[in-house]
Amino acid sequence: MKLKQLEGLLGGLQQFPQPKVELEQYPTGPHIASRMLFTAENSFEDVSDKVVADFGCGCALIRHVLGIDIDPESLEIASNNAEELEVDIDFIQSNVMDLGWRGRIVDTVIMNPPFGTRKKGADLDFLSVALKVASQAVYSLHKTSTRDHVKRTALRDFNASSAEVICELRYDVPKMYKFHKKKEVDIAVDLWRFVPAASHQSRNT
């Protein structure tokens, strides 16, 4: 599927009707979601024939096998979106930190974690779990302003074998909450590809 086709397909899906600020719920627009998926598949072959998990799946703008989110209303919308796309997705209502998974459960994790605006370090909490359960790769969005910190933490503290910024994107945040002063804000975000240490070792043995 071509990139524009994928973006158009994702653009027709439901979003949050009443986003929850405490969960930092912001919609992943089709422009960004399509590029995450397209890059993961066409540049690295990390999607087709793989077990893929979407952490904090929200309304499921990413096609995957496992969708995990703490919010039941988001999962209901995600289920509707899955039916619309005619794809089979298993949804799990859970805090990512409470999954209790042991070992490399999935091949690839694709996620747009909370940026840590409401709870400092929330994005890195997600990344820590993702690197423990993915055998092949983790794709994640983080603010460009945190680039050095994200790379240092992934390599030093989370034992990633590599941490690479694939591209820089513009995340358009509309006025969604009462504390938002502007009609919309453009945030620079990095699309990262992290490789878990075990995956790196297995390719070199």
N, C-alpha and C. Protein backbone atom coordinates (compact mmCIF):
# COMPACT_ATOMS: atom_id res chain seq x y z
N MET A 1 0.83 -1.19 0.00
CA MET A 1 0.00 0.00 0.00
C MET A 1 0.88 1.25 0.00
N LYS A 2 0.49 2.22 -0.83
CA LYS A 2 1.26 3.46 -0.89
C LYS A 2 0.97 4.33 0.34
N LEU A 3 1.93 5.24 0.63
CA LEU A 3 1.82 6.07 1.82
C LEU A 3 0.55 6.91 1.82
N LYS A 4 0.21 7.52 0.70
CA LYS A 4 -0.98 8.37 0.64
C LYS A 4 -2.26 7.55 0.83
N GLN A 5 -2.27 6.33 0.33
CA GLN A 5 -3.42 5.45 0.54
C GLN A 5 -3.59 5.12 2.02
N LEU A 6 -2.48 4.82 2.67
CA LEU A 6 -2.50 4.48 4.09
C LEU A 6 -2.97 5.68 4.91
N GLU A 7 -2.46 6.86 4.59
CA GLU A 7 -2.85 8.07 5.31
C GLU A 7 -4.35 8.34 5.14
N GLY A 8 -4.85 8.14 3.92
CA GLY A 8 -6.28 8.35 3.66
C GLY A 8 -7.14 7.36 4.43
N LEU A 9 -6.68 6.12 4.52
CA LEU A 9 -7.41 5.08 5.24
C LEU A 9 -7.50 5.41 6.73
N LEU A 10 -6.38 5.82 7.30
CA LEU A 10 -6.35 6.14 8.72
C LEU A 10 -7.11 7.43 9.03
N GLY A 11 -7.17 8.32 8.04
CA GLY A 11 -7.84 9.60 8.25
C GLY A 11 -9.34 9.48 8.43
N GLY A 12 -9.90 8.35 8.05
CA GLY A 12 -11.35 8.17 8.17
C GLY A 12 -11.79 7.53 9.46
N LEU A 13 -10.87 7.31 10.40
CA LEU A 13 -11.20 6.62 11.64
C LEU A 13 -11.61 7.58 12.75
N GLN A 14 -12.31 7.03 13.74
CA GLN A 14 -12.79 7.83 14.88
C GLN A 14 -11.64 8.26 15.78
N GLN A 15 -11.83 9.44 16.41
CA GLN A 15 -10.87 9.93 17.39
C GLN A 15 -11.54 10.08 18.74
N PHE A 16 -10.81 10.61 19.73
CA PHE A 16 -11.36 10.81 21.07
C PHE A 16 -12.50 11.82 21.05
N PRO A 17 -13.73 11.45 21.47
CA PRO A 17 -14.80 12.44 21.57
C PRO A 17 -14.63 13.33 22.79
N GLN A 18 -14.14 12.74 23.88
CA GLN A 18 -13.90 13.49 25.12
C GLN A 18 -12.55 13.05 25.70
N PRO A 19 -11.46 13.62 25.19
CA PRO A 19 -10.13 13.21 25.65
C PRO A 19 -9.90 13.50 27.13
N LYS A 20 -9.11 12.64 27.77
CA LYS A 20 -8.84 12.76 29.20
C LYS A 20 -7.44 13.36 29.41
N VAL A 21 -7.41 14.53 30.02
CA VAL A 21 -6.14 15.23 30.18
C VAL A 21 -5.20 14.48 31.10
N GLU A 22 -5.74 13.78 32.10
CA GLU A 22 -4.88 13.07 33.04
C GLU A 22 -4.12 11.93 32.38
N LEU A 23 -4.64 11.45 31.24
CA LEU A 23 -3.96 10.39 30.48
C LEU A 23 -3.16 10.96 29.30
N GLU A 24 -3.13 12.30 29.22
CA GLU A 24 -2.45 12.97 28.11
C GLU A 24 -2.94 12.43 26.76
N GLN A 25 -4.24 12.37 26.60
CA GLN A 25 -4.81 11.84 25.36
C GLN A 25 -4.83 12.91 24.28
N TYR A 26 -3.97 12.73 23.30
CA TYR A 26 -3.94 13.58 22.12
C TYR A 26 -3.97 12.65 20.91
N PRO A 27 -4.79 12.97 19.92
CA PRO A 27 -4.90 12.07 18.76
C PRO A 27 -3.62 12.02 17.94
N THR A 28 -3.23 10.82 17.56
CA THR A 28 -2.13 10.67 16.61
C THR A 28 -2.72 10.84 15.22
N GLY A 29 -2.44 11.96 14.59
CA GLY A 29 -3.03 12.26 13.29
C GLY A 29 -2.60 11.25 12.23
N PRO A 30 -3.39 11.10 11.17
CA PRO A 30 -3.07 10.14 10.12
C PRO A 30 -1.74 10.42 9.43
N HIS A 31 -1.33 11.69 9.40
CA HIS A 31 -0.04 12.04 8.78
C HIS A 31 1.10 11.34 9.52
N ILE A 32 1.07 11.39 10.85
CA ILE A 32 2.14 10.79 11.64
C ILE A 32 1.97 9.27 11.73
N ALA A 33 0.75 8.81 12.01
CA ALA A 33 0.51 7.37 12.16
C ALA A 33 0.89 6.61 10.89
N SER A 34 0.53 7.17 9.74
CA SER A 34 0.83 6.49 8.47
C SER A 34 2.33 6.40 8.24
N ARG A 35 3.06 7.45 8.60
CA ARG A 35 4.51 7.44 8.40
C ARG A 35 5.23 6.49 9.35
N MET A 36 4.71 6.38 10.56
CA MET A 36 5.28 5.40 11.50
C MET A 36 5.16 3.99 10.94
N LEU A 37 3.95 3.64 10.50
CA LEU A 37 3.71 2.30 9.97
C LEU A 37 4.45 2.05 8.67
N PHE A 38 4.39 3.03 7.77
CA PHE A 38 5.01 2.87 6.45
C PHE A 38 6.51 2.67 6.59
N THR A 39 7.14 3.47 7.46
CA THR A 39 8.58 3.35 7.66
C THR A 39 8.95 2.02 8.30
N ALA A 40 8.19 1.63 9.32
CA ALA A 40 8.47 0.37 10.01
C ALA A 40 8.42 -0.81 9.05
N GLU A 41 7.46 -0.78 8.12
CA GLU A 41 7.31 -1.90 7.19
C GLU A 41 8.24 -1.81 5.99
N ASN A 42 8.25 -0.65 5.32
CA ASN A 42 8.97 -0.56 4.06
C ASN A 42 10.48 -0.38 4.21
N SER A 43 10.92 0.18 5.32
CA SER A 43 12.36 0.36 5.53
C SER A 43 12.98 -0.77 6.34
N PHE A 44 12.18 -1.40 7.22
CA PHE A 44 12.77 -2.38 8.13
C PHE A 44 12.04 -3.72 8.19
N GLU A 45 10.88 -3.84 7.51
CA GLU A 45 10.12 -5.09 7.51
C GLU A 45 9.77 -5.54 8.94
N ASP A 46 9.31 -4.58 9.75
CA ASP A 46 9.01 -4.87 11.15
C ASP A 46 7.53 -5.05 11.44
N VAL A 47 6.67 -5.09 10.38
CA VAL A 47 5.23 -5.18 10.61
C VAL A 47 4.61 -6.44 10.02
N SER A 48 4.76 -6.67 8.73
CA SER A 48 4.14 -7.83 8.09
C SER A 48 4.66 -9.14 8.68
N ASP A 49 3.71 -10.05 8.94
CA ASP A 49 4.04 -11.37 9.50
C ASP A 49 4.73 -11.27 10.85
N LYS A 50 4.47 -10.19 11.58
CA LYS A 50 5.05 -10.00 12.90
C LYS A 50 3.93 -9.82 13.93
N VAL A 51 4.24 -10.12 15.17
CA VAL A 51 3.33 -9.81 16.27
C VAL A 51 3.67 -8.40 16.73
N VAL A 52 2.72 -7.49 16.52
CA VAL A 52 2.97 -6.08 16.80
C VAL A 52 2.04 -5.60 17.91
N ALA A 53 2.58 -4.86 18.86
CA ALA A 53 1.79 -4.29 19.95
C ALA A 53 1.80 -2.77 19.84
N ASP A 54 0.66 -2.17 20.15
CA ASP A 54 0.53 -0.72 20.19
C ASP A 54 0.27 -0.33 21.64
N PHE A 55 1.29 0.26 22.30
CA PHE A 55 1.16 0.67 23.69
C PHE A 55 0.45 2.00 23.76
N GLY A 56 -0.59 2.08 24.62
CA GLY A 56 -1.37 3.31 24.70
C GLY A 56 -2.07 3.53 23.38
N CYS A 57 -2.76 2.50 22.90
CA CYS A 57 -3.28 2.50 21.53
C CYS A 57 -4.31 3.58 21.28
N GLY A 58 -4.92 4.13 22.36
CA GLY A 58 -5.93 5.17 22.15
C GLY A 58 -7.04 4.66 21.27
N CYS A 59 -7.28 5.37 20.17
CA CYS A 59 -8.37 5.00 19.26
C CYS A 59 -7.91 4.06 18.15
N ALA A 60 -6.69 3.56 18.27
CA ALA A 60 -6.16 2.56 17.33
C ALA A 60 -6.07 3.08 15.92
N LEU A 61 -5.24 4.09 15.72
CA LEU A 61 -4.95 4.56 14.37
C LEU A 61 -3.78 3.79 13.79
N ILE A 62 -3.30 2.80 14.52
CA ILE A 62 -2.21 1.96 14.04
C ILE A 62 -2.72 0.54 13.93
N ARG A 63 -2.50 -0.08 12.79
CA ARG A 63 -2.98 -1.44 12.58
C ARG A 63 -1.98 -2.40 13.23
N HIS A 64 -2.49 -3.30 14.05
CA HIS A 64 -1.60 -4.11 14.85
C HIS A 64 -2.32 -5.39 15.29
N VAL A 65 -1.65 -6.14 16.10
CA VAL A 65 -2.25 -7.36 16.61
C VAL A 65 -2.74 -7.17 18.04
N LEU A 66 -1.95 -6.51 18.87
CA LEU A 66 -2.31 -6.27 20.26
C LEU A 66 -2.40 -4.77 20.54
N GLY A 67 -3.51 -4.35 21.10
CA GLY A 67 -3.67 -2.94 21.47
C GLY A 67 -3.88 -2.82 22.97
N ILE A 68 -3.01 -2.08 23.65
CA ILE A 68 -3.09 -1.95 25.10
C ILE A 68 -3.37 -0.51 25.47
N ASP A 69 -4.40 -0.29 26.28
CA ASP A 69 -4.70 1.06 26.77
C ASP A 69 -5.42 0.94 28.11
N ILE A 70 -5.22 1.93 28.96
CA ILE A 70 -5.84 1.91 30.28
C ILE A 70 -7.29 2.39 30.25
N ASP A 71 -7.65 3.10 29.20
CA ASP A 71 -8.95 3.77 29.12
C ASP A 71 -9.98 2.93 28.36
N PRO A 72 -11.04 2.47 29.03
CA PRO A 72 -12.04 1.62 28.37
C PRO A 72 -12.78 2.32 27.23
N GLU A 73 -13.01 3.62 27.35
CA GLU A 73 -13.70 4.34 26.28
C GLU A 73 -12.85 4.40 25.01
N SER A 74 -11.54 4.58 25.18
CA SER A 74 -10.65 4.56 24.02
C SER A 74 -10.65 3.20 23.35
N LEU A 75 -10.67 2.15 24.16
CA LEU A 75 -10.66 0.80 23.61
C LEU A 75 -11.94 0.50 22.84
N GLU A 76 -13.05 1.07 23.29
CA GLU A 76 -14.31 0.88 22.57
C GLU A 76 -14.24 1.52 21.18
N ILE A 77 -13.69 2.72 21.12
CA ILE A 77 -13.51 3.40 19.83
C ILE A 77 -12.53 2.61 18.96
N ALA A 78 -11.46 2.13 19.59
CA ALA A 78 -10.46 1.35 18.87
C ALA A 78 -11.08 0.09 18.25
N SER A 79 -11.97 -0.55 19.01
CA SER A 79 -12.64 -1.74 18.51
C SER A 79 -13.51 -1.42 17.29
N ASN A 80 -14.19 -0.28 17.36
CA ASN A 80 -15.00 0.16 16.22
C ASN A 80 -14.13 0.44 15.00
N ASN A 81 -12.98 1.06 15.23
CA ASN A 81 -12.06 1.35 14.13
C ASN A 81 -11.52 0.07 13.51
N ALA A 82 -11.26 -0.93 14.35
CA ALA A 82 -10.78 -2.21 13.84
C ALA A 82 -11.82 -2.87 12.95
N GLU A 83 -13.09 -2.79 13.38
CA GLU A 83 -14.18 -3.35 12.56
C GLU A 83 -14.28 -2.60 11.23
N GLU A 84 -14.12 -1.28 11.29
CA GLU A 84 -14.19 -0.47 10.07
C GLU A 84 -13.10 -0.87 9.07
N LEU A 85 -11.92 -1.18 9.59
CA LEU A 85 -10.79 -1.57 8.74
C LEU A 85 -10.80 -3.06 8.40
N GLU A 86 -11.71 -3.80 9.06
CA GLU A 86 -11.80 -5.25 8.88
C GLU A 86 -10.47 -5.93 9.22
N VAL A 87 -9.92 -5.56 10.38
CA VAL A 87 -8.69 -6.19 10.87
C VAL A 87 -8.96 -6.80 12.24
N ASP A 88 -8.27 -7.90 12.53
CA ASP A 88 -8.42 -8.58 13.82
C ASP A 88 -7.38 -8.05 14.80
N ILE A 89 -7.87 -7.45 15.88
CA ILE A 89 -6.99 -6.91 16.90
C ILE A 89 -7.46 -7.40 18.26
N ASP A 90 -6.53 -7.85 19.08
CA ASP A 90 -6.84 -8.22 20.45
C ASP A 90 -6.55 -7.02 21.34
N PHE A 91 -7.56 -6.56 22.08
CA PHE A 91 -7.39 -5.39 22.94
C PHE A 91 -7.27 -5.81 24.40
N ILE A 92 -6.39 -5.14 25.11
CA ILE A 92 -6.15 -5.42 26.52
C ILE A 92 -6.29 -4.11 27.29
N GLN A 93 -7.21 -4.10 28.28
CA GLN A 93 -7.33 -2.91 29.11
C GLN A 93 -6.37 -3.05 30.28
N SER A 94 -5.33 -2.23 30.28
CA SER A 94 -4.32 -2.30 31.33
C SER A 94 -3.41 -1.10 31.27
N ASN A 95 -2.89 -0.72 32.41
CA ASN A 95 -1.77 0.21 32.44
C ASN A 95 -0.57 -0.56 31.89
N VAL A 96 0.15 0.04 30.97
CA VAL A 96 1.31 -0.64 30.37
C VAL A 96 2.27 -1.12 31.45
N MET A 97 2.40 -0.33 32.51
CA MET A 97 3.34 -0.68 33.58
C MET A 97 2.88 -1.89 34.39
N ASP A 98 1.60 -2.27 34.27
CA ASP A 98 1.05 -3.38 35.06
C ASP A 98 0.83 -4.65 34.24
N LEU A 99 1.34 -4.70 33.03
CA LEU A 99 1.09 -5.85 32.16
C LEU A 99 1.62 -7.16 32.76
N GLY A 100 2.78 -7.09 33.35
CA GLY A 100 3.35 -8.29 33.94
C GLY A 100 3.85 -9.30 32.92
N TRP A 101 4.09 -8.86 31.69
CA TRP A 101 4.61 -9.76 30.67
C TRP A 101 6.04 -10.16 31.01
N ARG A 102 6.39 -11.39 30.69
CA ARG A 102 7.74 -11.89 30.92
C ARG A 102 8.37 -12.30 29.60
N GLY A 103 9.51 -11.76 29.31
CA GLY A 103 10.23 -12.14 28.11
C GLY A 103 9.75 -11.41 26.87
N ARG A 104 10.24 -11.82 25.72
CA ARG A 104 9.96 -11.16 24.44
C ARG A 104 8.63 -11.66 23.89
N ILE A 105 7.56 -11.01 24.28
CA ILE A 105 6.21 -11.44 23.93
C ILE A 105 5.85 -11.09 22.50
N VAL A 106 6.34 -9.95 22.00
CA VAL A 106 5.99 -9.47 20.66
C VAL A 106 7.26 -9.20 19.86
N ASP A 107 7.09 -9.07 18.55
CA ASP A 107 8.23 -8.74 17.70
C ASP A 107 8.51 -7.24 17.73
N THR A 108 7.44 -6.46 17.55
CA THR A 108 7.57 -5.02 17.37
C THR A 108 6.57 -4.28 18.25
N VAL A 109 7.01 -3.17 18.84
CA VAL A 109 6.11 -2.27 19.56
C VAL A 109 6.09 -0.94 18.81
N ILE A 110 4.89 -0.44 18.53
CA ILE A 110 4.71 0.88 17.93
C ILE A 110 3.87 1.69 18.89
N MET A 111 4.34 2.89 19.25
CA MET A 111 3.60 3.64 20.27
C MET A 111 3.82 5.15 20.15
N ASN A 112 2.79 5.85 20.60
CA ASN A 112 2.87 7.29 20.81
C ASN A 112 2.57 7.50 22.30
N PRO A 113 3.60 7.39 23.14
CA PRO A 113 3.37 7.44 24.59
C PRO A 113 3.04 8.85 25.06
N PRO A 114 2.50 8.97 26.28
CA PRO A 114 2.35 10.31 26.85
C PRO A 114 3.71 11.01 26.86
N PHE A 115 3.74 12.30 26.56
CA PHE A 115 5.02 13.00 26.47
C PHE A 115 5.60 13.34 27.85
N GLY A 116 4.84 13.09 28.90
CA GLY A 116 5.34 13.38 30.23
C GLY A 116 5.05 14.78 30.70
N THR A 117 4.08 15.43 30.06
CA THR A 117 3.71 16.80 30.46
C THR A 117 2.98 16.79 31.79
N ARG A 118 2.08 15.84 31.99
CA ARG A 118 1.33 15.74 33.24
C ARG A 118 2.06 14.89 34.28
N LYS A 119 2.73 13.86 33.81
CA LYS A 119 3.50 12.99 34.71
C LYS A 119 4.90 12.85 34.14
N LYS A 120 5.83 13.49 34.78
CA LYS A 120 7.20 13.52 34.27
C LYS A 120 7.76 12.11 34.09
N GLY A 121 8.36 11.88 32.93
CA GLY A 121 8.99 10.59 32.66
C GLY A 121 8.04 9.52 32.17
N ALA A 122 6.77 9.87 31.90
CA ALA A 122 5.80 8.86 31.47
C ALA A 122 6.22 8.21 30.15
N ASP A 123 6.78 9.01 29.24
CA ASP A 123 7.19 8.45 27.94
C ASP A 123 8.30 7.42 28.12
N LEU A 124 9.20 7.67 29.05
CA LEU A 124 10.31 6.74 29.27
C LEU A 124 9.86 5.50 30.04
N ASP A 125 8.80 5.63 30.84
CA ASP A 125 8.22 4.45 31.48
C ASP A 125 7.71 3.48 30.41
N PHE A 126 7.00 4.03 29.42
CA PHE A 126 6.51 3.21 28.31
C PHE A 126 7.67 2.55 27.57
N LEU A 127 8.71 3.34 27.29
CA LEU A 127 9.85 2.83 26.54
C LEU A 127 10.56 1.71 27.28
N SER A 128 10.66 1.84 28.59
CA SER A 128 11.31 0.82 29.40
C SER A 128 10.62 -0.53 29.24
N VAL A 129 9.29 -0.52 29.32
CA VAL A 129 8.52 -1.77 29.18
C VAL A 129 8.62 -2.30 27.75
N ALA A 130 8.51 -1.40 26.78
CA ALA A 130 8.55 -1.82 25.37
C ALA A 130 9.84 -2.54 25.03
N LEU A 131 10.96 -2.05 25.54
CA LEU A 131 12.25 -2.67 25.23
C LEU A 131 12.44 -4.01 25.94
N LYS A 132 11.62 -4.27 26.95
CA LYS A 132 11.68 -5.56 27.64
C LYS A 132 10.87 -6.64 26.93
N VAL A 133 9.80 -6.22 26.22
CA VAL A 133 8.89 -7.22 25.64
C VAL A 133 9.03 -7.37 24.12
N ALA A 134 9.71 -6.44 23.45
CA ALA A 134 9.88 -6.52 21.99
C ALA A 134 11.18 -7.27 21.66
N SER A 135 11.10 -8.15 20.69
CA SER A 135 12.30 -8.91 20.31
C SER A 135 13.03 -8.25 19.14
N GLN A 136 12.31 -7.43 18.37
CA GLN A 136 12.90 -6.91 17.13
C GLN A 136 13.12 -5.40 17.13
N ALA A 137 12.07 -4.62 17.43
CA ALA A 137 12.21 -3.17 17.35
C ALA A 137 11.10 -2.48 18.12
N VAL A 138 11.40 -1.24 18.53
CA VAL A 138 10.41 -0.37 19.15
C VAL A 138 10.40 0.95 18.39
N TYR A 139 9.21 1.35 17.93
CA TYR A 139 9.04 2.65 17.26
C TYR A 139 8.26 3.54 18.21
N SER A 140 8.78 4.73 18.45
CA SER A 140 8.15 5.59 19.45
C SER A 140 8.35 7.06 19.12
N LEU A 141 7.35 7.87 19.51
CA LEU A 141 7.42 9.32 19.31
C LEU A 141 7.81 10.00 20.63
N HIS A 142 8.76 10.92 20.54
CA HIS A 142 9.17 11.70 21.71
C HIS A 142 9.46 13.12 21.27
N LYS A 143 9.27 14.07 22.17
CA LYS A 143 9.56 15.46 21.84
C LYS A 143 11.02 15.61 21.40
N THR A 144 11.22 16.38 20.33
CA THR A 144 12.57 16.62 19.83
C THR A 144 13.44 17.28 20.90
N SER A 145 12.83 18.08 21.73
CA SER A 145 13.58 18.79 22.78
C SER A 145 14.20 17.84 23.80
N THR A 146 13.71 16.59 23.84
CA THR A 146 14.24 15.61 24.80
C THR A 146 15.18 14.60 24.13
N ARG A 147 15.60 14.88 22.92
CA ARG A 147 16.34 13.89 22.12
C ARG A 147 17.57 13.33 22.85
N ASP A 148 18.42 14.17 23.37
CA ASP A 148 19.65 13.70 24.02
C ASP A 148 19.33 12.84 25.23
N HIS A 149 18.35 13.27 26.00
CA HIS A 149 17.97 12.52 27.22
C HIS A 149 17.38 11.16 26.87
N VAL A 150 16.53 11.12 25.85
CA VAL A 150 15.91 9.86 25.43
C VAL A 150 16.98 8.87 24.96
N LYS A 151 17.91 9.34 24.15
CA LYS A 151 18.95 8.44 23.63
C LYS A 151 19.84 7.92 24.76
N ARG A 152 20.25 8.82 25.64
CA ARG A 152 21.12 8.43 26.75
C ARG A 152 20.43 7.41 27.65
N THR A 153 19.15 7.66 27.96
CA THR A 153 18.41 6.76 28.84
C THR A 153 18.20 5.39 28.19
N ALA A 154 17.85 5.38 26.91
CA ALA A 154 17.60 4.11 26.21
C ALA A 154 18.84 3.23 26.17
N LEU A 155 19.98 3.84 25.87
CA LEU A 155 21.21 3.06 25.73
C LEU A 155 21.83 2.69 27.07
N ARG A 156 21.79 3.62 28.01
CA ARG A 156 22.47 3.41 29.30
C ARG A 156 21.60 2.66 30.31
N ASP A 157 20.34 3.08 30.42
CA ASP A 157 19.48 2.54 31.47
C ASP A 157 18.58 1.40 31.02
N PHE A 158 18.18 1.40 29.74
CA PHE A 158 17.24 0.39 29.25
C PHE A 158 17.92 -0.67 28.38
N ASN A 159 19.24 -0.57 28.24
CA ASN A 159 20.02 -1.61 27.56
C ASN A 159 19.66 -1.80 26.09
N ALA A 160 19.19 -0.73 25.42
CA ALA A 160 18.95 -0.83 23.98
C ALA A 160 20.28 -0.96 23.26
N SER A 161 20.32 -1.75 22.20
CA SER A 161 21.57 -1.89 21.45
C SER A 161 21.76 -0.75 20.46
N SER A 162 20.64 -0.12 20.06
CA SER A 162 20.74 1.07 19.20
C SER A 162 19.52 1.95 19.41
N ALA A 163 19.70 3.24 19.19
CA ALA A 163 18.63 4.22 19.32
C ALA A 163 18.83 5.25 18.22
N GLU A 164 17.94 5.24 17.23
CA GLU A 164 18.12 6.07 16.04
C GLU A 164 16.88 6.90 15.76
N VAL A 165 17.09 8.20 15.54
CA VAL A 165 16.00 9.06 15.10
C VAL A 165 15.84 8.87 13.60
N ILE A 166 14.69 8.34 13.19
CA ILE A 166 14.45 8.09 11.77
C ILE A 166 14.06 9.37 11.05
N CYS A 167 13.22 10.18 11.69
CA CYS A 167 12.82 11.44 11.09
C CYS A 167 12.21 12.36 12.15
N GLU A 168 12.19 13.64 11.85
CA GLU A 168 11.55 14.63 12.72
C GLU A 168 10.23 15.02 12.08
N LEU A 169 9.17 15.02 12.89
CA LEU A 169 7.83 15.31 12.40
C LEU A 169 7.23 16.48 13.17
N ARG A 170 6.16 17.03 12.63
CA ARG A 170 5.43 18.10 13.32
C ARG A 170 4.12 17.54 13.85
N TYR A 171 3.95 17.61 15.16
CA TYR A 171 2.76 17.08 15.81
C TYR A 171 1.81 18.25 16.06
N ASP A 172 0.71 18.25 15.33
CA ASP A 172 -0.26 19.33 15.43
C ASP A 172 -1.24 19.05 16.58
N VAL A 173 -1.14 19.83 17.64
CA VAL A 173 -2.01 19.65 18.81
C VAL A 173 -3.11 20.71 18.78
N PRO A 174 -4.35 20.32 18.53
CA PRO A 174 -5.45 21.28 18.51
C PRO A 174 -5.83 21.72 19.93
N LYS A 175 -6.61 22.77 20.04
CA LYS A 175 -7.09 23.22 21.36
C LYS A 175 -8.13 22.23 21.85
N MET A 176 -7.74 21.41 22.85
CA MET A 176 -8.60 20.33 23.32
C MET A 176 -9.00 20.49 24.78
N TYR A 177 -8.17 21.16 25.56
CA TYR A 177 -8.41 21.26 26.99
C TYR A 177 -8.53 22.72 27.41
N LYS A 178 -9.13 22.95 28.57
CA LYS A 178 -9.41 24.31 29.03
C LYS A 178 -8.15 25.14 29.20
N PHE A 179 -7.04 24.50 29.57
CA PHE A 179 -5.81 25.26 29.81
C PHE A 179 -5.09 25.62 28.52
N HIS A 180 -5.54 25.10 27.37
CA HIS A 180 -4.93 25.46 26.09
C HIS A 180 -5.33 26.90 25.72
N LYS A 181 -4.34 27.73 25.47
CA LYS A 181 -4.59 29.14 25.15
C LYS A 181 -4.71 29.37 23.65
N LYS A 182 -3.95 28.60 22.87
CA LYS A 182 -3.92 28.80 21.42
C LYS A 182 -4.85 27.81 20.70
N LYS A 183 -5.25 28.20 19.50
CA LYS A 183 -6.14 27.35 18.71
C LYS A 183 -5.46 26.02 18.39
N GLU A 184 -4.18 26.08 18.08
CA GLU A 184 -3.41 24.86 17.86
C GLU A 184 -1.93 25.16 18.09
N VAL A 185 -1.19 24.11 18.41
CA VAL A 185 0.25 24.23 18.66
C VAL A 185 0.97 23.17 17.84
N ASP A 186 2.06 23.56 17.24
CA ASP A 186 2.88 22.66 16.45
C ASP A 186 4.07 22.22 17.29
N ILE A 187 4.18 20.95 17.59
CA ILE A 187 5.28 20.44 18.42
C ILE A 187 6.21 19.59 17.57
N ALA A 188 7.51 19.84 17.69
CA ALA A 188 8.50 19.02 16.98
C ALA A 188 8.67 17.70 17.72
N VAL A 189 8.48 16.60 17.03
CA VAL A 189 8.65 15.27 17.63
C VAL A 189 9.58 14.43 16.78
N ASP A 190 10.28 13.52 17.44
CA ASP A 190 11.17 12.58 16.75
C ASP A 190 10.49 11.22 16.66
N LEU A 191 10.61 10.60 15.50
CA LEU A 191 10.22 9.19 15.36
C LEU A 191 11.49 8.37 15.56
N TRP A 192 11.51 7.60 16.63
CA TRP A 192 12.67 6.78 16.99
C TRP A 192 12.47 5.33 16.60
N ARG A 193 13.58 4.67 16.30
CA ARG A 193 13.60 3.22 16.20
C ARG A 193 14.66 2.70 17.16
N PHE A 194 14.20 1.96 18.15
CA PHE A 194 15.09 1.36 19.14
C PHE A 194 15.19 -0.13 18.87
N VAL A 195 16.38 -0.69 19.02
CA VAL A 195 16.56 -2.12 18.86
C VAL A 195 16.94 -2.71 20.22
N PRO A 196 16.15 -3.65 20.72
CA PRO A 196 16.46 -4.28 22.01
C PRO A 196 17.79 -5.03 21.93
N ALA A 197 18.48 -5.12 23.04
CA ALA A 197 19.79 -5.76 23.08
C ALA A 197 19.72 -7.21 22.62
N ALA A 198 18.70 -7.95 23.03
CA ALA A 198 18.59 -9.36 22.68
C ALA A 198 18.50 -9.56 21.18
N SER A 199 17.78 -8.63 20.49
CA SER A 199 17.64 -8.73 19.04
C SER A 199 18.98 -8.54 18.37
N HIS A 200 19.75 -7.57 18.86
CA HIS A 200 21.07 -7.29 18.30
C HIS A 200 21.99 -8.50 18.47
N GLN A 201 21.93 -9.12 19.65
CA GLN A 201 22.79 -10.27 19.93
C GLN A 201 22.44 -11.46 19.07
N SER A 202 21.11 -11.68 18.86
CA SER A 202 20.68 -12.85 18.10
C SER A 202 21.09 -12.77 16.66
N ARG A 203 21.21 -11.56 16.12
CA ARG A 203 21.60 -11.41 14.72
C ARG A 203 23.10 -11.63 14.54
N ASN A 204 23.84 -11.55 15.63
CA ASN A 204 25.28 -11.65 15.51
C ASN A 204 25.82 -12.94 16.10
N THR A 205 24.95 -13.90 16.35
CA THR A 205 25.39 -15.18 16.89
C THR A 205 25.26 -16.26 15.83
